[in-house]
Amino acid sequence: MHELALTEGILRIVREQAEKNGFARVLEIRLRVGEYSGIIPECLQEFFPIVSKGTEAEGAELVIRPVPASFRCFTCGFEGPIPARTACCPQCGGTAIRMTAGREFYVENIKVE
């Protein structure tokens, strides 16, 4: 259930920004969550109303934008998605690959009133 701790962390960021920038109400929080981040977006959605109750973020919409996984092949230079079942470059079949996107998890934007 690390999503509960992550949701608390999101709220901590929002509250720090509220103190710093003087806003009293949050309308929307946009998150970026990578396909291979290990985070279950539905759990964040479930915990958010509980964690935000009584704060400036209570009632805010939590918008989660997925980040698809992308890889780079060091053999042929291919950049893009690779089927999980193969773990090989779809162009050359090489295994010298590195993930370039898909592990992200961050607050992208906070919309306030």
PDB file of N, CA and C in Angstrom:
ATOM      1  N   MET A   1       0.825  -1.194   0.000  1.00  0.00           N
ATOM      2  CA  MET A   1       0.000   0.000   0.000  1.00  0.00           C
ATOM      3  C   MET A   1       0.865   1.251   0.000  1.00  0.00           C
ATOM      4  N   HIS A   2       1.938   1.251  -0.754  1.00  0.00           N
ATOM      5  CA  HIS A   2       2.768   2.448  -0.788  1.00  0.00           C
ATOM      6  C   HIS A   2       2.050   3.618  -1.457  1.00  0.00           C
ATOM      7  N   GLU A   3       0.945   3.350  -2.148  1.00  0.00           N
ATOM      8  CA  GLU A   3       0.172   4.429  -2.764  1.00  0.00           C
ATOM      9  C   GLU A   3      -0.396   5.382  -1.718  1.00  0.00           C
ATOM     10  N   LEU A   4      -0.705   4.887  -0.513  1.00  0.00           N
ATOM     11  CA  LEU A   4      -1.175   5.764   0.556  1.00  0.00           C
ATOM     12  C   LEU A   4      -0.085   6.763   0.926  1.00  0.00           C
ATOM     13  N   ALA A   5       1.129   6.289   1.102  1.00  0.00           N
ATOM     14  CA  ALA A   5       2.250   7.179   1.418  1.00  0.00           C
ATOM     15  C   ALA A   5       2.510   8.152   0.269  1.00  0.00           C
ATOM     16  N   LEU A   6       2.381   7.687  -0.961  1.00  0.00           N
ATOM     17  CA  LEU A   6       2.574   8.565  -2.118  1.00  0.00           C
ATOM     18  C   LEU A   6       1.496   9.646  -2.168  1.00  0.00           C
ATOM     19  N   THR A   7       0.261   9.265  -1.857  1.00  0.00           N
ATOM     20  CA  THR A   7      -0.837  10.228  -1.845  1.00  0.00           C
ATOM     21  C   THR A   7      -0.606  11.273  -0.757  1.00  0.00           C
ATOM     22  N   GLU A   8      -0.111  10.842   0.381  1.00  0.00           N
ATOM     23  CA  GLU A   8       0.236  11.787   1.449  1.00  0.00           C
ATOM     24  C   GLU A   8       1.356  12.721   0.991  1.00  0.00           C
ATOM     25  N   GLY A   9       2.292  12.199   0.228  1.00  0.00           N
ATOM     26  CA  GLY A   9       3.377  13.024  -0.315  1.00  0.00           C
ATOM     27  C   GLY A   9       2.870  14.067  -1.300  1.00  0.00           C
ATOM     28  N   ILE A  10       1.911  13.679  -2.123  1.00  0.00           N
ATOM     29  CA  ILE A  10       1.297  14.627  -3.067  1.00  0.00           C
ATOM     30  C   ILE A  10       0.649  15.762  -2.290  1.00  0.00           C
ATOM     31  N   LEU A  11      -0.084  15.403  -1.260  1.00  0.00           N
ATOM     32  CA  LEU A  11      -0.755  16.416  -0.449  1.00  0.00           C
ATOM     33  C   LEU A  11       0.256  17.314   0.251  1.00  0.00           C
ATOM     34  N   ARG A  12       1.366  16.752   0.705  1.00  0.00           N
ATOM     35  CA  ARG A  12       2.420  17.553   1.333  1.00  0.00           C
ATOM     36  C   ARG A  12       2.963  18.601   0.354  1.00  0.00           C
ATOM     37  N   ILE A  13       3.161  18.209  -0.887  1.00  0.00           N
ATOM     38  CA  ILE A  13       3.618  19.147  -1.920  1.00  0.00           C
ATOM     39  C   ILE A  13       2.590  20.259  -2.112  1.00  0.00           C
ATOM     40  N   VAL A  14       1.324  19.890  -2.192  1.00  0.00           N
ATOM     41  CA  VAL A  14       0.256  20.875  -2.382  1.00  0.00           C
ATOM     42  C   VAL A  14       0.214  21.846  -1.208  1.00  0.00           C
ATOM     43  N   ARG A  15       0.310  21.331  -0.006  1.00  0.00           N
ATOM     44  CA  ARG A  15       0.240  22.192   1.184  1.00  0.00           C
ATOM     45  C   ARG A  15       1.450  23.126   1.263  1.00  0.00           C
ATOM     46  N   GLU A  16       2.622  22.640   0.892  1.00  0.00           N
ATOM     47  CA  GLU A  16       3.817  23.499   0.860  1.00  0.00           C
ATOM     48  C   GLU A  16       3.625  24.633  -0.144  1.00  0.00           C
ATOM     49  N   GLN A  17       3.066  24.308  -1.301  1.00  0.00           N
ATOM     50  CA  GLN A  17       2.814  25.333  -2.314  1.00  0.00           C
ATOM     51  C   GLN A  17       1.739  26.319  -1.847  1.00  0.00           C
ATOM     52  N   ALA A  18       0.741  25.835  -1.123  1.00  0.00           N
ATOM     53  CA  ALA A  18      -0.306  26.722  -0.596  1.00  0.00           C
ATOM     54  C   ALA A  18       0.292  27.716   0.394  1.00  0.00           C
ATOM     55  N   GLU A  19       1.172  27.239   1.259  1.00  0.00           N
ATOM     56  CA  GLU A  19       1.851  28.136   2.208  1.00  0.00           C
ATOM     57  C   GLU A  19       2.723  29.150   1.480  1.00  0.00           C
ATOM     58  N   LYS A  20       3.470  28.671   0.530  1.00  0.00           N
ATOM     59  CA  LYS A  20       4.413  29.518  -0.218  1.00  0.00           C
ATOM     60  C   LYS A  20       3.702  30.552  -1.086  1.00  0.00           C
ATOM     61  N   ASN A  21       2.592  30.157  -1.727  1.00  0.00           N
ATOM     62  CA  ASN A  21       1.931  31.025  -2.708  1.00  0.00           C
ATOM     63  C   ASN A  21       0.604  31.606  -2.238  1.00  0.00           C
ATOM     64  N   GLY A  22       0.152  31.232  -1.063  1.00  0.00           N
ATOM     65  CA  GLY A  22      -1.018  31.848  -0.468  1.00  0.00           C
ATOM     66  C   GLY A  22      -2.362  31.526  -1.097  1.00  0.00           C
ATOM     67  N   PHE A  23      -2.532  30.350  -1.660  1.00  0.00           N
ATOM     68  CA  PHE A  23      -3.860  29.996  -2.176  1.00  0.00           C
ATOM     69  C   PHE A  23      -4.602  29.177  -1.125  1.00  0.00           C
ATOM     70  N   ALA A  24      -5.935  29.273  -1.176  1.00  0.00           N
ATOM     71  CA  ALA A  24      -6.753  28.627  -0.155  1.00  0.00           C
ATOM     72  C   ALA A  24      -7.493  27.399  -0.655  1.00  0.00           C
ATOM     73  N   ARG A  25      -7.586  27.248  -1.967  1.00  0.00           N
ATOM     74  CA  ARG A  25      -8.359  26.126  -2.501  1.00  0.00           C
ATOM     75  C   ARG A  25      -7.709  25.571  -3.765  1.00  0.00           C
ATOM     76  N   VAL A  26      -7.635  24.258  -3.827  1.00  0.00           N
ATOM     77  CA  VAL A  26      -7.090  23.562  -4.987  1.00  0.00           C
ATOM     78  C   VAL A  26      -8.251  22.984  -5.785  1.00  0.00           C
ATOM     79  N   LEU A  27      -8.254  23.246  -7.085  1.00  0.00           N
ATOM     80  CA  LEU A  27      -9.306  22.727  -7.959  1.00  0.00           C
ATOM     81  C   LEU A  27      -8.905  21.423  -8.643  1.00  0.00           C
ATOM     82  N   GLU A  28      -7.619  21.331  -8.983  1.00  0.00           N
ATOM     83  CA  GLU A  28      -7.160  20.173  -9.754  1.00  0.00           C
ATOM     84  C   GLU A  28      -5.678  19.942  -9.506  1.00  0.00           C
ATOM     85  N   ILE A  29      -5.310  18.676  -9.432  1.00  0.00           N
ATOM     86  CA  ILE A  29      -3.907  18.283  -9.328  1.00  0.00           C
ATOM     87  C   ILE A  29      -3.635  17.312 -10.459  1.00  0.00           C
ATOM     88  N   ARG A  30      -2.639  17.645 -11.291  1.00  0.00           N
ATOM     89  CA  ARG A  30      -2.266  16.770 -12.412  1.00  0.00           C
ATOM     90  C   ARG A  30      -0.972  16.041 -12.067  1.00  0.00           C
ATOM     91  N   LEU A  31      -1.023  14.729 -12.242  1.00  0.00           N
ATOM     92  CA  LEU A  31       0.139  13.887 -11.984  1.00  0.00           C
ATOM     93  C   LEU A  31       0.589  13.219 -13.274  1.00  0.00           C
ATOM     94  N   ARG A  32       1.858  12.922 -13.354  1.00  0.00           N
ATOM     95  CA  ARG A  32       2.402  12.083 -14.428  1.00  0.00           C
ATOM     96  C   ARG A  32       2.866  10.791 -13.772  1.00  0.00           C
ATOM     97  N   VAL A  33       2.367   9.665 -14.282  1.00  0.00           N
ATOM     98  CA  VAL A  33       2.688   8.362 -13.708  1.00  0.00           C
ATOM     99  C   VAL A  33       3.160   7.435 -14.819  1.00  0.00           C
ATOM    100  N   GLY A  34       4.394   6.999 -14.713  1.00  0.00           N
ATOM    101  CA  GLY A  34       4.982   6.127 -15.725  1.00  0.00           C
ATOM    102  C   GLY A  34       4.421   4.717 -15.691  1.00  0.00           C
ATOM    103  N   GLU A  35       4.361   4.129 -16.864  1.00  0.00           N
ATOM    104  CA  GLU A  35       3.845   2.771 -17.045  1.00  0.00           C
ATOM    105  C   GLU A  35       4.592   1.756 -16.173  1.00  0.00           C
ATOM    106  N   TYR A  36       5.897   1.966 -15.977  1.00  0.00           N
ATOM    107  CA  TYR A  36       6.720   1.057 -15.181  1.00  0.00           C
ATOM    108  C   TYR A  36       7.122   1.665 -13.838  1.00  0.00           C
ATOM    109  N   SER A  37       6.325   2.596 -13.338  1.00  0.00           N
ATOM    110  CA  SER A  37       6.641   3.236 -12.051  1.00  0.00           C
ATOM    111  C   SER A  37       6.297   2.335 -10.870  1.00  0.00           C
ATOM    112  N   GLY A  38       5.458   1.345 -11.085  1.00  0.00           N
ATOM    113  CA  GLY A  38       5.030   0.476 -10.000  1.00  0.00           C
ATOM    114  C   GLY A  38       3.885   1.063  -9.192  1.00  0.00           C
ATOM    115  N   ILE A  39       3.320   2.155  -9.677  1.00  0.00           N
ATOM    116  CA  ILE A  39       2.238   2.842  -8.974  1.00  0.00           C
ATOM    117  C   ILE A  39       0.906   2.478  -9.627  1.00  0.00           C
ATOM    118  N   ILE A  40      -0.073   2.210  -8.784  1.00  0.00           N
ATOM    119  CA  ILE A  40      -1.409   1.870  -9.275  1.00  0.00           C
ATOM    120  C   ILE A  40      -2.271   3.135  -9.193  1.00  0.00           C
ATOM    121  N   PRO A  41      -2.543   3.776 -10.339  1.00  0.00           N
ATOM    122  CA  PRO A  41      -3.294   5.035 -10.342  1.00  0.00           C
ATOM    123  C   PRO A  41      -4.647   4.951  -9.636  1.00  0.00           C
ATOM    124  N   GLU A  42      -5.330   3.830  -9.772  1.00  0.00           N
ATOM    125  CA  GLU A  42      -6.641   3.677  -9.133  1.00  0.00           C
ATOM    126  C   GLU A  42      -6.539   3.792  -7.611  1.00  0.00           C
ATOM    127  N   CYS A  43      -5.457   3.323  -7.054  1.00  0.00           N
ATOM    128  CA  CYS A  43      -5.255   3.431  -5.601  1.00  0.00           C
ATOM    129  C   CYS A  43      -5.044   4.885  -5.193  1.00  0.00           C
ATOM    130  N   LEU A  44      -4.289   5.636  -5.994  1.00  0.00           N
ATOM    131  CA  LEU A  44      -4.116   7.065  -5.703  1.00  0.00           C
ATOM    132  C   LEU A  44      -5.476   7.758  -5.705  1.00  0.00           C
ATOM    133  N   GLN A  45      -6.291   7.424  -6.705  1.00  0.00           N
ATOM    134  CA  GLN A  45      -7.632   8.010  -6.817  1.00  0.00           C
ATOM    135  C   GLN A  45      -8.482   7.653  -5.595  1.00  0.00           C
ATOM    136  N   GLU A  46      -8.341   6.444  -5.116  1.00  0.00           N
ATOM    137  CA  GLU A  46      -9.130   5.984  -3.975  1.00  0.00           C
ATOM    138  C   GLU A  46      -8.695   6.658  -2.674  1.00  0.00           C
ATOM    139  N   PHE A  47      -7.393   6.808  -2.479  1.00  0.00           N
ATOM    140  CA  PHE A  47      -6.883   7.383  -1.236  1.00  0.00           C
ATOM    141  C   PHE A  47      -6.997   8.903  -1.179  1.00  0.00           C
ATOM    142  N   PHE A  48      -6.976   9.565  -2.329  1.00  0.00           N
ATOM    143  CA  PHE A  48      -6.922  11.029  -2.345  1.00  0.00           C
ATOM    144  C   PHE A  48      -8.050  11.700  -1.565  1.00  0.00           C
ATOM    145  N   PRO A  49      -9.317  11.326  -1.754  1.00  0.00           N
ATOM    146  CA  PRO A  49     -10.379  11.994  -0.983  1.00  0.00           C
ATOM    147  C   PRO A  49     -10.219  11.822   0.535  1.00  0.00           C
ATOM    148  N   ILE A  50      -9.698  10.694   0.951  1.00  0.00           N
ATOM    149  CA  ILE A  50      -9.497  10.428   2.380  1.00  0.00           C
ATOM    150  C   ILE A  50      -8.379  11.304   2.928  1.00  0.00           C
ATOM    151  N   VAL A  51      -7.249  11.331   2.224  1.00  0.00           N
ATOM    152  CA  VAL A  51      -6.077  12.069   2.680  1.00  0.00           C
ATOM    153  C   VAL A  51      -6.286  13.581   2.606  1.00  0.00           C
ATOM    154  N   SER A  52      -7.048  14.039   1.625  1.00  0.00           N
ATOM    155  CA  SER A  52      -7.219  15.487   1.429  1.00  0.00           C
ATOM    156  C   SER A  52      -8.345  16.093   2.259  1.00  0.00           C
ATOM    157  N   LYS A  53      -9.114  15.265   2.940  1.00  0.00           N
ATOM    158  CA  LYS A  53     -10.249  15.753   3.731  1.00  0.00           C
ATOM    159  C   LYS A  53      -9.783  16.795   4.755  1.00  0.00           C
ATOM    160  N   GLY A  54     -10.455  17.946   4.745  1.00  0.00           N
ATOM    161  CA  GLY A  54     -10.134  19.016   5.684  1.00  0.00           C
ATOM    162  C   GLY A  54      -8.959  19.888   5.280  1.00  0.00           C
ATOM    163  N   THR A  55      -8.453  19.698   4.071  1.00  0.00           N
ATOM    164  CA  THR A  55      -7.325  20.510   3.583  1.00  0.00           C
ATOM    165  C   THR A  55      -7.777  21.376   2.411  1.00  0.00           C
ATOM    166  N   GLU A  56      -6.880  22.228   1.933  1.00  0.00           N
ATOM    167  CA  GLU A  56      -7.190  23.074   0.774  1.00  0.00           C
ATOM    168  C   GLU A  56      -7.395  22.256  -0.500  1.00  0.00           C
ATOM    169  N   ALA A  57      -7.037  20.979  -0.467  1.00  0.00           N
ATOM    170  CA  ALA A  57      -7.204  20.111  -1.633  1.00  0.00           C
ATOM    171  C   ALA A  57      -8.476  19.264  -1.569  1.00  0.00           C
ATOM    172  N   GLU A  58      -9.240  19.395  -0.515  1.00  0.00           N
ATOM    173  CA  GLU A  58     -10.477  18.614  -0.409  1.00  0.00           C
ATOM    174  C   GLU A  58     -11.400  18.970  -1.570  1.00  0.00           C
ATOM    175  N   GLY A  59     -11.892  17.966  -2.244  1.00  0.00           N
ATOM    176  CA  GLY A  59     -12.785  18.165  -3.386  1.00  0.00           C
ATOM    177  C   GLY A  59     -12.077  18.418  -4.704  1.00  0.00           C
ATOM    178  N   ALA A  60     -10.765  18.522  -4.684  1.00  0.00           N
ATOM    179  CA  ALA A  60     -10.011  18.752  -5.922  1.00  0.00           C
ATOM    180  C   ALA A  60     -10.060  17.506  -6.797  1.00  0.00           C
ATOM    181  N   GLU A  61      -9.952  17.713  -8.089  1.00  0.00           N
ATOM    182  CA  GLU A  61      -9.897  16.600  -9.033  1.00  0.00           C
ATOM    183  C   GLU A  61      -8.448  16.151  -9.176  1.00  0.00           C
ATOM    184  N   LEU A  62      -8.225  14.852  -9.082  1.00  0.00           N
ATOM    185  CA  LEU A  62      -6.902  14.278  -9.270  1.00  0.00           C
ATOM    186  C   LEU A  62      -6.860  13.706 -10.681  1.00  0.00           C
ATOM    187  N   VAL A  63      -6.074  14.331 -11.550  1.00  0.00           N
ATOM    188  CA  VAL A  63      -5.965  13.916 -12.951  1.00  0.00           C
ATOM    189  C   VAL A  63      -4.626  13.211 -13.130  1.00  0.00           C
ATOM    190  N   ILE A  64      -4.688  11.972 -13.543  1.00  0.00           N
ATOM    191  CA  ILE A  64      -3.464  11.176 -13.703  1.00  0.00           C
ATOM    192  C   ILE A  64      -3.216  10.931 -15.178  1.00  0.00           C
ATOM    193  N   ARG A  65      -2.091  11.472 -15.655  1.00  0.00           N
ATOM    194  CA  ARG A  65      -1.705  11.295 -17.062  1.00  0.00           C
ATOM    195  C   ARG A  65      -0.613  10.232 -17.141  1.00  0.00           C
ATOM    196  N   PRO A  66      -0.881   9.140 -17.855  1.00  0.00           N
ATOM    197  CA  PRO A  66       0.117   8.076 -17.950  1.00  0.00           C
ATOM    198  C   PRO A  66       1.288   8.464 -18.853  1.00  0.00           C
ATOM    199  N   VAL A  67       2.447   7.927 -18.519  1.00  0.00           N
ATOM    200  CA  VAL A  67       3.638   8.089 -19.357  1.00  0.00           C
ATOM    201  C   VAL A  67       3.985   6.700 -19.880  1.00  0.00           C
ATOM    202  N   PRO A  68       3.804   6.477 -21.184  1.00  0.00           N
ATOM    203  CA  PRO A  68       4.123   5.149 -21.727  1.00  0.00           C
ATOM    204  C   PRO A  68       5.633   4.886 -21.691  1.00  0.00           C
ATOM    205  N   ALA A  69       5.969   3.626 -21.570  1.00  0.00           N
ATOM    206  CA  ALA A  69       7.386   3.249 -21.559  1.00  0.00           C
ATOM    207  C   ALA A  69       7.988   3.442 -22.942  1.00  0.00           C
ATOM    208  N   SER A  70       9.214   3.904 -22.942  1.00  0.00           N
ATOM    209  CA  SER A  70       9.959   4.080 -24.181  1.00  0.00           C
ATOM    210  C   SER A  70      11.393   3.615 -23.932  1.00  0.00           C
ATOM    211  N   PHE A  71      12.007   3.056 -24.957  1.00  0.00           N
ATOM    212  CA  PHE A  71      13.343   2.491 -24.829  1.00  0.00           C
ATOM    213  C   PHE A  71      14.247   2.980 -25.953  1.00  0.00           C
ATOM    214  N   ARG A  72      15.551   2.851 -25.716  1.00  0.00           N
ATOM    215  CA  ARG A  72      16.552   3.163 -26.747  1.00  0.00           C
ATOM    216  C   ARG A  72      17.441   1.938 -26.905  1.00  0.00           C
ATOM    217  N   CYS A  73      17.654   1.568 -28.157  1.00  0.00           N
ATOM    218  CA  CYS A  73      18.540   0.439 -28.466  1.00  0.00           C
ATOM    219  C   CYS A  73      19.938   0.993 -28.756  1.00  0.00           C
ATOM    220  N   PHE A  74      20.925   0.484 -28.051  1.00  0.00           N
ATOM    221  CA  PHE A  74      22.298   0.943 -28.249  1.00  0.00           C
ATOM    222  C   PHE A  74      22.939   0.316 -29.485  1.00  0.00           C
ATOM    223  N   THR A  75      22.319  -0.710 -30.022  1.00  0.00           N
ATOM    224  CA  THR A  75      22.856  -1.370 -31.210  1.00  0.00           C
ATOM    225  C   THR A  75      22.483  -0.628 -32.484  1.00  0.00           C
ATOM    226  N   CYS A  76      21.183  -0.333 -32.664  1.00  0.00           N
ATOM    227  CA  CYS A  76      20.747   0.279 -33.926  1.00  0.00           C
ATOM    228  C   CYS A  76      20.207   1.703 -33.769  1.00  0.00           C
ATOM    229  N   GLY A  77      20.021   2.165 -32.520  1.00  0.00           N
ATOM    230  CA  GLY A  77      19.535   3.519 -32.299  1.00  0.00           C
ATOM    231  C   GLY A  77      18.023   3.663 -32.238  1.00  0.00           C
ATOM    232  N   PHE A  78      17.289   2.565 -32.352  1.00  0.00           N
ATOM    233  CA  PHE A  78      15.830   2.613 -32.273  1.00  0.00           C
ATOM    234  C   PHE A  78      15.413   3.281 -30.967  1.00  0.00           C
ATOM    235  N   GLU A  79      14.360   4.123 -31.050  1.00  0.00           N
ATOM    236  CA  GLU A  79      13.757   4.711 -29.855  1.00  0.00           C
ATOM    237  C   GLU A  79      12.253   4.552 -29.952  1.00  0.00           C
ATOM    238  N   GLY A  80      11.652   3.969 -28.914  1.00  0.00           N
ATOM    239  CA  GLY A  80      10.211   3.789 -28.893  1.00  0.00           C
ATOM    240  C   GLY A  80       9.806   2.661 -27.975  1.00  0.00           C
ATOM    241  N   PRO A  81       8.546   2.238 -28.099  1.00  0.00           N
ATOM    242  CA  PRO A  81       8.053   1.166 -27.237  1.00  0.00           C
ATOM    243  C   PRO A  81       8.608  -0.196 -27.640  1.00  0.00           C
ATOM    244  N   ILE A  82       8.746  -1.054 -26.649  1.00  0.00           N
ATOM    245  CA  ILE A  82       9.192  -2.429 -26.883  1.00  0.00           C
ATOM    246  C   ILE A  82       8.216  -3.346 -26.170  1.00  0.00           C
ATOM    247  N   PRO A  83       7.689  -4.347 -26.857  1.00  0.00           N
ATOM    248  CA  PRO A  83       6.758  -5.270 -26.202  1.00  0.00           C
ATOM    249  C   PRO A  83       7.393  -5.930 -24.972  1.00  0.00           C
ATOM    250  N   ALA A  84       6.682  -5.924 -23.848  1.00  0.00           N
ATOM    251  CA  ALA A  84       7.213  -6.464 -22.593  1.00  0.00           C
ATOM    252  C   ALA A  84       7.583  -7.939 -22.708  1.00  0.00           C
ATOM    253  N   ARG A  85       6.859  -8.673 -23.503  1.00  0.00           N
ATOM    254  CA  ARG A  85       7.119 -10.114 -23.601  1.00  0.00           C
ATOM    255  C   ARG A  85       8.430 -10.441 -24.314  1.00  0.00           C
ATOM    256  N   THR A  86       8.980  -9.505 -25.083  1.00  0.00           N
ATOM    257  CA  THR A  86      10.206  -9.786 -25.830  1.00  0.00           C
ATOM    258  C   THR A  86      11.446  -9.207 -25.167  1.00  0.00           C
ATOM    259  N   ALA A  87      11.357  -7.988 -24.647  1.00  0.00           N
ATOM    260  CA  ALA A  87      12.500  -7.288 -24.045  1.00  0.00           C
ATOM    261  C   ALA A  87      13.671  -7.182 -25.016  1.00  0.00           C
ATOM    262  N   CYS A  88      13.353  -7.145 -26.325  1.00  0.00           N
ATOM    263  CA  CYS A  88      14.367  -6.991 -27.369  1.00  0.00           C
ATOM    264  C   CYS A  88      13.958  -5.850 -28.286  1.00  0.00           C
ATOM    265  N   CYS A  89      14.918  -5.280 -28.957  1.00  0.00           N
ATOM    266  CA  CYS A  89      14.641  -4.218 -29.917  1.00  0.00           C
ATOM    267  C   CYS A  89      13.786  -4.775 -31.055  1.00  0.00           C
ATOM    268  N   PRO A  90      12.681  -4.102 -31.378  1.00  0.00           N
ATOM    269  CA  PRO A  90      11.819  -4.595 -32.454  1.00  0.00           C
ATOM    270  C   PRO A  90      12.433  -4.429 -33.847  1.00  0.00           C
ATOM    271  N   GLN A  91      13.486  -3.610 -33.963  1.00  0.00           N
ATOM    272  CA  GLN A  91      14.123  -3.434 -35.277  1.00  0.00           C
ATOM    273  C   GLN A  91      15.246  -4.424 -35.531  1.00  0.00           C
ATOM    274  N   CYS A  92      16.153  -4.549 -34.541  1.00  0.00           N
ATOM    275  CA  CYS A  92      17.335  -5.385 -34.787  1.00  0.00           C
ATOM    276  C   CYS A  92      17.392  -6.632 -33.918  1.00  0.00           C
ATOM    277  N   GLY A  93      16.497  -6.736 -32.945  1.00  0.00           N
ATOM    278  CA  GLY A  93      16.499  -7.897 -32.052  1.00  0.00           C
ATOM    279  C   GLY A  93      17.523  -7.804 -30.941  1.00  0.00           C
ATOM    280  N   GLY A  94      18.249  -6.683 -30.881  1.00  0.00           N
ATOM    281  CA  GLY A  94      19.279  -6.507 -29.853  1.00  0.00           C
ATOM    282  C   GLY A  94      18.715  -6.416 -28.446  1.00  0.00           C
ATOM    283  N   THR A  95      19.557  -6.747 -27.500  1.00  0.00           N
ATOM    284  CA  THR A  95      19.149  -6.687 -26.094  1.00  0.00           C
ATOM    285  C   THR A  95      19.853  -5.573 -25.328  1.00  0.00           C
ATOM    286  N   ALA A  96      20.680  -4.810 -26.013  1.00  0.00           N
ATOM    287  CA  ALA A  96      21.363  -3.679 -25.376  1.00  0.00           C
ATOM    288  C   ALA A  96      20.422  -2.478 -25.423  1.00  0.00           C
ATOM    289  N   ILE A  97      19.431  -2.494 -24.537  1.00  0.00           N
ATOM    290  CA  ILE A  97      18.406  -1.453 -24.522  1.00  0.00           C
ATOM    291  C   ILE A  97      18.378  -0.775 -23.156  1.00  0.00           C
ATOM    292  N   ARG A  98      17.859   0.450 -23.161  1.00  0.00           N
ATOM    293  CA  ARG A  98      17.721   1.208 -21.919  1.00  0.00           C
ATOM    294  C   ARG A  98      16.384   1.921 -21.938  1.00  0.00           C
ATOM    295  N   MET A  99      15.697   1.909 -20.808  1.00  0.00           N
ATOM    296  CA  MET A  99      14.422   2.618 -20.695  1.00  0.00           C
ATOM    297  C   MET A  99      14.706   4.121 -20.611  1.00  0.00           C
ATOM    298  N   THR A 100      14.027   4.886 -21.466  1.00  0.00           N
ATOM    299  CA  THR A 100      14.202   6.341 -21.463  1.00  0.00           C
ATOM    300  C   THR A 100      12.989   7.074 -20.909  1.00  0.00           C
ATOM    301  N   ALA A 101      11.873   6.396 -20.782  1.00  0.00           N
ATOM    302  CA  ALA A 101      10.662   6.978 -20.196  1.00  0.00           C
ATOM    303  C   ALA A 101       9.791   5.843 -19.681  1.00  0.00           C
ATOM    304  N   GLY A 102       8.993   6.161 -18.651  1.00  0.00           N
ATOM    305  CA  GLY A 102       8.069   5.173 -18.140  1.00  0.00           C
ATOM    306  C   GLY A 102       8.182   4.907 -16.659  1.00  0.00           C
ATOM    307  N   ARG A 103       9.168   5.522 -15.993  1.00  0.00           N
ATOM    308  CA  ARG A 103       9.312   5.350 -14.541  1.00  0.00           C
ATOM    309  C   ARG A 103       8.911   6.609 -13.771  1.00  0.00           C
ATOM    310  N   GLU A 104       8.465   7.618 -14.478  1.00  0.00           N
ATOM    311  CA  GLU A 104       8.167   8.909 -13.866  1.00  0.00           C
ATOM    312  C   GLU A 104       7.036   8.835 -12.845  1.00  0.00           C
ATOM    313  N   PHE A 105       7.108   9.737 -11.885  1.00  0.00           N
ATOM    314  CA  PHE A 105       6.011   9.989 -10.967  1.00  0.00           C
ATOM    315  C   PHE A 105       6.240  11.370 -10.373  1.00  0.00           C
ATOM    316  N   TYR A 106       5.412  12.333 -10.778  1.00  0.00           N
ATOM    317  CA  TYR A 106       5.557  13.691 -10.259  1.00  0.00           C
ATOM    318  C   TYR A 106       4.279  14.499 -10.417  1.00  0.00           C
ATOM    319  N   VAL A 107       4.205  15.556  -9.615  1.00  0.00           N
ATOM    320  CA  VAL A 107       3.100  16.512  -9.723  1.00  0.00           C
ATOM    321  C   VAL A 107       3.450  17.427 -10.886  1.00  0.00           C
ATOM    322  N   GLU A 108       2.624  17.406 -11.906  1.00  0.00           N
ATOM    323  CA  GLU A 108       2.865  18.212 -13.095  1.00  0.00           C
ATOM    324  C   GLU A 108       2.311  19.625 -12.954  1.00  0.00           C
ATOM    325  N   ASN A 109       1.146  19.735 -12.295  1.00  0.00           N
ATOM    326  CA  ASN A 109       0.467  21.024 -12.258  1.00  0.00           C
ATOM    327  C   ASN A 109      -0.543  21.030 -11.114  1.00  0.00           C
ATOM    328  N   ILE A 110      -0.708  22.190 -10.502  1.00  0.00           N
ATOM    329  CA  ILE A 110      -1.735  22.366  -9.483  1.00  0.00           C
ATOM    330  C   ILE A 110      -2.564  23.566  -9.896  1.00  0.00           C
ATOM    331  N   LYS A 111      -3.861  23.345 -10.118  1.00  0.00           N
ATOM    332  CA  LYS A 111      -4.778  24.408 -10.483  1.00  0.00           C
ATOM    333  C   LYS A 111      -5.482  24.887  -9.210  1.00  0.00           C
ATOM    334  N   VAL A 112      -5.364  26.199  -8.945  1.00  0.00           N
ATOM    335  CA  VAL A 112      -5.885  26.736  -7.684  1.00  0.00           C
ATOM    336  C   VAL A 112      -6.891  27.847  -7.934  1.00  0.00           C
ATOM    337  N   GLU A 113      -7.560  28.214  -6.854  1.00  0.00           N
ATOM    338  CA  GLU A 113      -8.545  29.295  -6.908  1.00  0.00           C
ATOM    339  C   GLU A 113      -8.081  30.400  -5.985  1.00  0.00           C
TER     340      GLU A 113
END
